[in-house]
C-alpha atoms as a PDB file:
ATOM      1  CA  MET A   1       1.397  82.523 -24.803  1.00  0.00           C
ATOM      2  CA  LYS A   2       2.651  81.051 -28.072  1.00  0.00           C
ATOM      3  CA  TYR A   3       3.522  84.483 -29.478  1.00  0.00           C
ATOM      4  CA  ILE A   4       5.211  85.602 -26.248  1.00  0.00           C
ATOM      5  CA  LYS A   5       7.703  82.748 -26.651  1.00  0.00           C
ATOM      6  CA  ILE A   6       8.709  83.722 -30.208  1.00  0.00           C
ATOM      7  CA  PRO A   7      11.286  86.451 -29.314  1.00  0.00           C
ATOM      8  CA  PHE A   8      12.945  84.111 -26.799  1.00  0.00           C
ATOM      9  CA  LEU A   9      13.059  81.278 -29.337  1.00  0.00           C
ATOM     10  CA  LEU A  10      14.677  83.551 -31.915  1.00  0.00           C
ATOM     11  CA  ILE A  11      17.295  84.752 -29.413  1.00  0.00           C
ATOM     12  CA  TRP A  12      17.965  81.136 -28.391  1.00  0.00           C
ATOM     13  CA  ARG A  13      18.366  80.129 -32.044  1.00  0.00           C
ATOM     14  CA  LEU A  14      20.698  83.036 -32.679  1.00  0.00           C
ATOM     15  CA  TRP A  15      22.758  81.933 -29.679  1.00  0.00           C
ATOM     16  CA  PHE A  16      23.356  78.560 -31.384  1.00  0.00           C
ATOM     17  CA  TYR A  17      24.946  80.187 -34.436  1.00  0.00           C
ATOM     18  CA  VAL A  18      26.969  82.583 -32.280  1.00  0.00           C
ATOM     19  CA  LEU A  19      28.178  79.656 -30.161  1.00  0.00           C
ATOM     20  CA  MET A  20      29.030  77.573 -33.225  1.00  0.00           C
ATOM     21  CA  PHE A  21      30.981  80.246 -35.095  1.00  0.00           C
ATOM     22  CA  VAL A  22      32.798  81.638 -32.046  1.00  0.00           C
ATOM     23  CA  THR A  23      34.000  78.169 -31.056  1.00  0.00           C
ATOM     24  CA  ILE A  24      35.083  77.399 -34.636  1.00  0.00           C
ATOM     25  CA  ILE A  25      37.102  80.612 -34.745  1.00  0.00           C
ATOM     26  CA  LEU A  26      38.731  79.773 -31.402  1.00  0.00           C
ATOM     27  CA  MET A  27      39.585  76.273 -32.646  1.00  0.00           C
ATOM     28  CA  SER A  28      40.780  77.431 -36.077  1.00  0.00           C
ATOM     29  CA  PRO A  29      44.552  77.385 -35.341  1.00  0.00           C
ATOM     30  CA  LEU A  30      44.330  73.784 -34.109  1.00  0.00           C
ATOM     31  CA  LEU A  31      41.995  72.744 -36.929  1.00  0.00           C
ATOM     32  CA  LEU A  32      44.338  74.170 -39.537  1.00  0.00           C
ATOM     33  CA  ILE A  33      47.152  72.012 -38.177  1.00  0.00           C
ATOM     34  CA  LEU A  34      45.067  68.872 -37.641  1.00  0.00           C
ATOM     35  CA  THR A  35      43.595  68.910 -41.152  1.00  0.00           C
ATOM     36  CA  LEU A  36      47.027  68.941 -42.789  1.00  0.00           C
ATOM     37  CA  LYS A  37      47.585  65.189 -42.595  1.00  0.00           C
ATOM     38  CA  GLU A  38      45.351  62.106 -42.505  1.00  0.00           C
ATOM     39  CA  GLU A  39      47.271  60.684 -39.539  1.00  0.00           C
ATOM     40  CA  TYR A  40      46.143  63.602 -37.381  1.00  0.00           C
ATOM     41  CA  TYR A  41      42.486  62.647 -37.792  1.00  0.00           C
ATOM     42  CA  HIS A  42      42.293  60.650 -34.557  1.00  0.00           C
ATOM     43  CA  ILE A  43      43.504  63.698 -32.619  1.00  0.00           C
ATOM     44  CA  MET A  44      41.130  66.022 -34.435  1.00  0.00           C
ATOM     45  CA  TRP A  45      38.237  63.704 -33.622  1.00  0.00           C
ATOM     46  CA  LYS A  46      38.811  64.266 -29.900  1.00  0.00           C
ATOM     47  CA  LEU A  47      38.659  68.028 -30.459  1.00  0.00           C
ATOM     48  CA  VAL A  48      35.464  67.702 -32.543  1.00  0.00           C
ATOM     49  CA  ARG A  49      33.851  65.609 -29.776  1.00  0.00           C
ATOM     50  CA  ILE A  50      34.599  68.325 -27.216  1.00  0.00           C
ATOM     51  CA  TRP A  51      33.181  70.943 -29.601  1.00  0.00           C
ATOM     52  CA  SER A  52      30.013  68.886 -30.137  1.00  0.00           C
ATOM     53  CA  LYS A  53      29.500  68.567 -26.380  1.00  0.00           C
ATOM     54  CA  VAL A  54      29.903  72.345 -26.001  1.00  0.00           C
ATOM     55  CA  LEU A  55      27.201  72.920 -28.637  1.00  0.00           C
ATOM     56  CA  ILE A  56      24.771  70.369 -27.185  1.00  0.00           C
ATOM     57  CA  TYR A  57      25.117  71.335 -23.531  1.00  0.00           C
ATOM     58  CA  GLY A  58      25.608  75.009 -24.375  1.00  0.00           C
ATOM     59  CA  MET A  59      22.143  75.009 -25.977  1.00  0.00           C
ATOM     60  CA  GLY A  60      20.573  73.569 -22.840  1.00  0.00           C
ATOM     61  CA  PHE A  61      20.246  69.984 -24.018  1.00  0.00           C
ATOM     62  CA  GLY A  62      21.097  66.752 -22.266  1.00  0.00           C
ATOM     63  CA  LEU A  63      21.641  63.219 -23.562  1.00  0.00           C
ATOM     64  CA  LYS A  64      20.000  59.972 -22.476  1.00  0.00           C
ATOM     65  CA  ILE A  65      21.598  57.078 -24.328  1.00  0.00           C
ATOM     66  CA  GLN A  66      20.499  53.448 -24.593  1.00  0.00           C
ATOM     67  CA  LEU A  67      23.124  51.135 -26.070  1.00  0.00           C
ATOM     68  CA  ASP A  68      21.783  47.730 -27.123  1.00  0.00           C
ATOM     69  CA  GLU A  69      25.307  46.967 -28.342  1.00  0.00           C
ATOM     70  CA  LYS A  70      28.548  48.856 -27.817  1.00  0.00           C
ATOM     71  CA  ILE A  71      31.130  49.678 -30.450  1.00  0.00           C
ATOM     72  CA  GLU A  72      34.603  48.166 -30.091  1.00  0.00           C
ATOM     73  CA  PRO A  73      37.864  50.136 -30.295  1.00  0.00           C
ATOM     74  CA  ASN A  74      39.839  49.768 -33.542  1.00  0.00           C
ATOM     75  CA  LYS A  75      36.854  48.384 -35.430  1.00  0.00           C
ATOM     76  CA  SER A  76      34.980  50.105 -38.268  1.00  0.00           C
ATOM     77  CA  TYR A  77      31.209  50.547 -38.544  1.00  0.00           C
ATOM     78  CA  MET A  78      28.611  52.185 -40.748  1.00  0.00           C
ATOM     79  CA  PHE A  79      26.470  54.481 -38.581  1.00  0.00           C
ATOM     80  CA  CYS A  80      22.958  55.080 -39.942  1.00  0.00           C
ATOM     81  CA  PRO A  81      20.770  57.435 -37.852  1.00  0.00           C
ATOM     82  CA  ASN A  82      17.468  59.062 -38.762  1.00  0.00           C
ATOM     83  CA  HIS A  83      17.817  62.731 -39.742  1.00  0.00           C
ATOM     84  CA  ALA A  84      15.518  65.488 -38.540  1.00  0.00           C
ATOM     85  CA  SER A  85      17.666  68.271 -37.111  1.00  0.00           C
ATOM     86  CA  PHE A  86      20.894  70.228 -37.519  1.00  0.00           C
ATOM     87  CA  MET A  87      21.871  68.799 -34.117  1.00  0.00           C
ATOM     88  CA  ASP A  88      21.918  65.196 -35.371  1.00  0.00           C
ATOM     89  CA  PRO A  89      25.586  65.136 -36.503  1.00  0.00           C
ATOM     90  CA  PHE A  90      26.733  66.600 -33.189  1.00  0.00           C
ATOM     91  CA  VAL A  91      24.815  63.934 -31.263  1.00  0.00           C
ATOM     92  CA  LEU A  92      26.411  61.230 -33.411  1.00  0.00           C
ATOM     93  CA  VAL A  93      29.895  62.652 -32.804  1.00  0.00           C
ATOM     94  CA  VAL A  94      29.403  62.628 -29.034  1.00  0.00           C
ATOM     95  CA  LEU A  95      28.204  59.008 -29.113  1.00  0.00           C
ATOM     96  CA  SER A  96      31.376  57.612 -30.683  1.00  0.00           C
ATOM     97  CA  LYS A  97      34.870  57.705 -29.215  1.00  0.00           C
ATOM     98  CA  ASN A  98      35.997  55.995 -32.410  1.00  0.00           C
ATOM     99  CA  PRO A  99      36.692  58.492 -35.206  1.00  0.00           C
ATOM    100  CA  ILE A 100      33.969  58.728 -37.848  1.00  0.00           C
ATOM    101  CA  VAL A 101      34.213  60.039 -41.385  1.00  0.00           C
ATOM    102  CA  PHE A 102      30.963  61.599 -42.553  1.00  0.00           C
ATOM    103  CA  VAL A 103      29.628  61.425 -46.075  1.00  0.00           C
ATOM    104  CA  GLY A 104      27.773  64.704 -46.505  1.00  0.00           C
ATOM    105  CA  LYS A 105      26.158  67.095 -48.933  1.00  0.00           C
ATOM    106  CA  LYS A 106      28.420  69.464 -50.843  1.00  0.00           C
ATOM    107  CA  GLU A 107      25.977  72.352 -50.241  1.00  0.00           C
ATOM    108  CA  LEU A 108      27.246  72.798 -46.655  1.00  0.00           C
ATOM    109  CA  VAL A 109      30.595  73.990 -48.010  1.00  0.00           C
ATOM    110  CA  LYS A 110      28.906  77.358 -48.625  1.00  0.00           C
ATOM    111  CA  ILE A 111      28.544  78.081 -44.891  1.00  0.00           C
ATOM    112  CA  PRO A 112      31.201  80.679 -43.936  1.00  0.00           C
ATOM    113  CA  ILE A 113      34.175  79.377 -41.899  1.00  0.00           C
ATOM    114  CA  PHE A 114      32.370  76.103 -41.101  1.00  0.00           C
ATOM    115  CA  GLY A 115      32.435  75.176 -44.792  1.00  0.00           C
ATOM    116  CA  PHE A 116      36.216  75.614 -45.014  1.00  0.00           C
ATOM    117  CA  PHE A 117      36.874  72.865 -42.458  1.00  0.00           C
ATOM    118  CA  TYR A 118      33.854  70.822 -43.530  1.00  0.00           C
ATOM    119  CA  LYS A 119      35.300  70.177 -46.983  1.00  0.00           C
ATOM    120  CA  LYS A 120      38.610  69.078 -45.448  1.00  0.00           C
ATOM    121  CA  VAL A 121      37.189  66.349 -43.212  1.00  0.00           C
ATOM    122  CA  VAL A 122      33.903  65.262 -44.819  1.00  0.00           C
ATOM    123  CA  ILE A 123      33.641  63.109 -47.935  1.00  0.00           C
ATOM    124  CA  MET A 124      31.305  65.193 -50.052  1.00  0.00           C
ATOM    125  CA  VAL A 125      28.872  63.605 -52.458  1.00  0.00           C
ATOM    126  CA  ASP A 126      26.829  64.907 -55.351  1.00  0.00           C
ATOM    127  CA  ARG A 127      24.082  62.310 -55.600  1.00  0.00           C
ATOM    128  CA  ASN A 128      23.325  63.288 -59.188  1.00  0.00           C
ATOM    129  CA  ASN A 129      26.878  62.629 -60.338  1.00  0.00           C
ATOM    130  CA  PRO A 130      28.066  58.998 -60.837  1.00  0.00           C
ATOM    131  CA  GLU A 131      31.702  60.144 -60.712  1.00  0.00           C
ATOM    132  CA  SER A 132      31.064  61.702 -57.310  1.00  0.00           C
ATOM    133  CA  ARG A 133      29.768  58.404 -55.968  1.00  0.00           C
ATOM    134  CA  LYS A 134      32.891  56.651 -57.284  1.00  0.00           C
ATOM    135  CA  ARG A 135      35.043  59.235 -55.503  1.00  0.00           C
ATOM    136  CA  VAL A 136      33.188  58.532 -52.236  1.00  0.00           C
ATOM    137  CA  PHE A 137      34.087  54.846 -52.512  1.00  0.00           C
ATOM    138  CA  GLU A 138      37.759  55.559 -53.197  1.00  0.00           C
ATOM    139  CA  MET A 139      38.094  58.046 -50.331  1.00  0.00           C
ATOM    140  CA  ALA A 140      36.222  55.776 -47.941  1.00  0.00           C
ATOM    141  CA  LYS A 141      38.546  52.885 -48.763  1.00  0.00           C
ATOM    142  CA  LYS A 142      41.515  55.096 -47.946  1.00  0.00           C
ATOM    143  CA  ARG A 143      40.137  56.269 -44.605  1.00  0.00           C
ATOM    144  CA  LEU A 144      38.577  53.091 -43.193  1.00  0.00           C
ATOM    145  CA  GLN A 145      41.642  52.058 -41.241  1.00  0.00           C
ATOM    146  CA  ASN A 146      42.637  51.844 -37.580  1.00  0.00           C
ATOM    147  CA  GLY A 147      39.095  51.901 -36.249  1.00  0.00           C
ATOM    148  CA  VAL A 148      37.803  54.782 -38.345  1.00  0.00           C
ATOM    149  CA  SER A 149      34.100  54.356 -39.141  1.00  0.00           C
ATOM    150  CA  MET A 150      31.680  55.962 -41.571  1.00  0.00           C
ATOM    151  CA  ALA A 151      28.401  57.781 -40.998  1.00  0.00           C
ATOM    152  CA  ILE A 152      25.674  58.430 -43.536  1.00  0.00           C
ATOM    153  CA  PHE A 153      22.161  59.705 -42.899  1.00  0.00           C
ATOM    154  CA  PRO A 154      20.467  57.230 -45.254  1.00  0.00           C
ATOM    155  CA  GLU A 155      17.382  59.391 -45.823  1.00  0.00           C
ATOM    156  CA  GLY A 156      19.667  61.667 -47.819  1.00  0.00           C
ATOM    157  CA  LEU A 157      17.772  64.746 -46.643  1.00  0.00           C
ATOM    158  CA  VAL A 158      15.803  66.148 -43.748  1.00  0.00           C
ATOM    159  CA  PRO A 159      12.182  65.209 -44.482  1.00  0.00           C
ATOM    160  CA  THR A 160       9.233  67.471 -43.795  1.00  0.00           C
ATOM    161  CA  GLU A 161       8.158  67.319 -40.175  1.00  0.00           C
ATOM    162  CA  ASP A 162       5.010  65.290 -40.791  1.00  0.00           C
ATOM    163  CA  VAL A 163       7.098  62.381 -42.156  1.00  0.00           C
ATOM    164  CA  ILE A 164       8.081  59.659 -39.685  1.00  0.00           C
ATOM    165  CA  LEU A 165      11.070  58.462 -41.710  1.00  0.00           C
ATOM    166  CA  ALA A 166      11.894  59.195 -45.355  1.00  0.00           C
ATOM    167  CA  PRO A 167      12.837  56.346 -47.737  1.00  0.00           C
ATOM    168  CA  PHE A 168      16.471  55.295 -47.527  1.00  0.00           C
ATOM    169  CA  LYS A 169      19.072  55.672 -50.260  1.00  0.00           C
ATOM    170  CA  LYS A 170      21.284  52.671 -51.072  1.00  0.00           C
ATOM    171  CA  GLY A 171      24.711  54.306 -50.690  1.00  0.00           C
ATOM    172  CA  ALA A 172      25.373  53.543 -47.022  1.00  0.00           C
ATOM    173  CA  PHE A 173      24.425  49.904 -47.429  1.00  0.00           C
ATOM    174  CA  SER A 174      26.444  49.380 -50.592  1.00  0.00           C
ATOM    175  CA  LEU A 175      29.527  50.728 -48.804  1.00  0.00           C
ATOM    176  CA  ALA A 176      28.846  48.629 -45.696  1.00  0.00           C
ATOM    177  CA  ILE A 177      28.737  45.467 -47.816  1.00  0.00           C
ATOM    178  CA  GLU A 178      31.748  46.458 -49.920  1.00  0.00           C
ATOM    179  CA  PHE A 179      33.875  47.050 -46.817  1.00  0.00           C
ATOM    180  CA  ASP A 180      32.324  44.220 -44.760  1.00  0.00           C
ATOM    181  CA  ILE A 181      31.459  46.500 -41.837  1.00  0.00           C
ATOM    182  CA  PRO A 182      28.324  46.194 -39.665  1.00  0.00           C
ATOM    183  CA  VAL A 183      25.490  48.703 -39.922  1.00  0.00           C
ATOM    184  CA  VAL A 184      24.674  50.549 -36.698  1.00  0.00           C
ATOM    185  CA  PRO A 185      21.039  51.760 -36.622  1.00  0.00           C
ATOM    186  CA  GLN A 186      20.624  54.761 -34.326  1.00  0.00           C
ATOM    187  CA  VAL A 187      17.317  56.367 -33.385  1.00  0.00           C
ATOM    188  CA  TYR A 188      17.113  60.049 -32.427  1.00  0.00           C
ATOM    189  CA  TYR A 189      13.694  60.624 -30.880  1.00  0.00           C
ATOM    190  CA  ASP A 190      13.814  64.246 -29.791  1.00  0.00           C
ATOM    191  CA  CYS A 191      16.078  66.300 -32.068  1.00  0.00           C
ATOM    192  CA  LYS A 192      13.192  67.228 -34.354  1.00  0.00           C
ATOM    193  CA  ARG A 193      10.925  68.202 -31.473  1.00  0.00           C
ATOM    194  CA  LEU A 194      13.533  70.217 -29.561  1.00  0.00           C
ATOM    195  CA  PHE A 195      15.632  71.703 -32.376  1.00  0.00           C
ATOM    196  CA  SER A 196      13.926  71.349 -35.733  1.00  0.00           C
ATOM    197  CA  TRP A 197      14.376  73.493 -38.846  1.00  0.00           C
ATOM    198  CA  ASP A 198      11.288  75.433 -37.708  1.00  0.00           C
ATOM    199  CA  PHE A 199      12.689  78.512 -35.945  1.00  0.00           C
ATOM    200  CA  PHE A 200       9.455  79.019 -34.015  1.00  0.00           C
ATOM    201  CA  LYS A 201       9.592  75.642 -32.344  1.00  0.00           C
ATOM    202  CA  GLY A 202      11.782  73.873 -29.799  1.00  0.00           C
ATOM    203  CA  GLY A 203      13.344  74.421 -26.413  1.00  0.00           C
ATOM    204  CA  PHE A 204      15.539  72.932 -23.710  1.00  0.00           C
ATOM    205  CA  GLY A 205      15.286  69.214 -23.072  1.00  0.00           C
ATOM    206  CA  VAL A 206      16.919  65.808 -23.272  1.00  0.00           C
ATOM    207  CA  PHE A 207      17.847  64.058 -26.506  1.00  0.00           C
ATOM    208  CA  ARG A 208      16.937  60.397 -26.118  1.00  0.00           C
ATOM    209  CA  VAL A 209      19.043  58.138 -28.312  1.00  0.00           C
ATOM    210  CA  ARG A 210      18.915  54.402 -28.885  1.00  0.00           C
ATOM    211  CA  GLN A 211      21.723  52.489 -30.542  1.00  0.00           C
ATOM    212  CA  HIS A 212      20.242  49.212 -31.762  1.00  0.00           C
ATOM    213  CA  LYS A 213      22.032  45.906 -32.169  1.00  0.00           C
ATOM    214  CA  PHE A 214      24.327  45.973 -35.149  1.00  0.00           C
ATOM    215  CA  ILE A 215      23.299  44.409 -38.452  1.00  0.00           C
ATOM    216  CA  PRO A 216      26.176  42.285 -39.801  1.00  0.00           C
ATOM    217  CA  THR A 217      27.168  42.369 -43.457  1.00  0.00           C
ATOM    218  CA  LYS A 218      29.517  39.399 -43.479  1.00  0.00           C
ATOM    219  CA  ASN A 219      28.905  37.114 -46.466  1.00  0.00           C
ATOM    220  CA  LEU A 220      26.496  39.612 -48.041  1.00  0.00           C
ATOM    221  CA  THR A 221      26.877  40.666 -51.679  1.00  0.00           C
ATOM    222  CA  LEU A 222      25.668  43.736 -53.526  1.00  0.00           C
ATOM    223  CA  GLU A 223      22.577  41.738 -54.453  1.00  0.00           C
ATOM    224  CA  ASP A 224      21.615  41.994 -50.762  1.00  0.00           C
ATOM    225  CA  VAL A 225      21.705  45.810 -50.666  1.00  0.00           C
ATOM    226  CA  ASP A 226      17.923  46.255 -50.795  1.00  0.00           C
ATOM    227  CA  HIS A 227      17.372  43.669 -48.076  1.00  0.00           C
ATOM    228  CA  LEU A 228      19.952  45.340 -45.802  1.00  0.00           C
ATOM    229  CA  LYS A 229      18.471  48.770 -46.509  1.00  0.00           C
ATOM    230  CA  ASP A 230      14.924  47.616 -45.768  1.00  0.00           C
ATOM    231  CA  LYS A 231      15.975  45.805 -42.595  1.00  0.00           C
ATOM    232  CA  THR A 232      17.690  48.927 -41.243  1.00  0.00           C
ATOM    233  CA  PHE A 233      14.725  51.097 -42.238  1.00  0.00           C
ATOM    234  CA  ASP A 234      12.277  48.804 -40.417  1.00  0.00           C
ATOM    235  CA  VAL A 235      14.336  48.867 -37.202  1.00  0.00           C
ATOM    236  CA  ILE A 236      14.408  52.676 -37.086  1.00  0.00           C
ATOM    237  CA  TYR A 237      10.882  53.254 -38.405  1.00  0.00           C
ATOM    238  CA  ASN A 238       9.220  50.860 -35.939  1.00  0.00           C
ATOM    239  CA  ASP A 239      11.073  52.429 -33.024  1.00  0.00           C
ATOM    240  CA  LEU A 240      10.028  55.964 -34.024  1.00  0.00           C
ATOM    241  CA  ALA A 241       6.435  54.942 -34.774  1.00  0.00           C
ATOM    242  CA  ASN A 242       6.106  53.454 -31.285  1.00  0.00           C
ATOM    243  CA  ASP A 243       7.457  56.522 -29.486  1.00  0.00           C
ATOM    244  CA  THR A 244       4.602  58.662 -28.168  1.00  0.00           C
ATOM    245  CA  LYS A 245       6.510  61.964 -28.031  1.00  0.00           C
ATOM    246  CA  TYR A 246       7.966  61.567 -31.498  1.00  0.00           C
ATOM    247  CA  MET A 247       4.627  60.677 -33.056  1.00  0.00           C
ATOM    248  CA  LYS A 248       2.747  63.451 -31.270  1.00  0.00           C
ATOM    249  CA  ASP A 249       5.207  65.960 -32.715  1.00  0.00           C
ATOM    250  CA  THR A 250       5.313  64.342 -36.161  1.00  0.00           C
ATOM    251  CA  ASN A 251       1.538  64.332 -36.491  1.00  0.00           C
ATOM    252  CA  ARG A 252       0.958  67.741 -34.956  1.00  0.00           C
ATOM    253  CA  LYS A 253      -1.681  69.981 -36.466  1.00  0.00           C
ATOM    254  CA  LYS A 254      -0.358  72.523 -38.962  1.00  0.00           C
END
């Protein structure tokens, strides 16, 4: 039965890339205009949210969202979700009506068409380059206005599938303290199980998401970065470790 499913899984996976690139091409004229000026970003965000919904629902997924605390309009946040799937950024986009600027890996620029627009709207970071990290800070300071937030996957990578949650990098928490914005821990339970990097795994289903209570950074200094990082890690890790479906998938036999 397992091998019978493989051709269907491959076709389904191929459909994702067809859907993504066709929709990008259709949106290209609007994207070219909306990436010309910073002040158009709020409008572009609405278009990106529609696109993300098309990708999620077009792949046969649904969303079940638990909000322990809601974001406020015209206020900035630092979103910190766990990272286990290529669908994670699209889920995050759908969750927030407030525009978010992502800090992402420069390697994604190499993806045809997608990479062209990616480099225009994402603050790219080379974690091995101190100058790159300085550039992230300067660009973030420029963009964190009028309710624009930031999003960083603090694991810095997609861990192997037997890992519950990879250790966090400090970048997101340093920026949150520097800009005095609360950290928003988000837990994605099902993205890895339903749409992992393993092409021979996954299927239709519902992405369960929990947005935990925000962790304030007011009155914190850069000396508190490790404490803030560890506190956020514990919130997400404990939630994942107590989820039966997530742990069954994470600990599956190879």
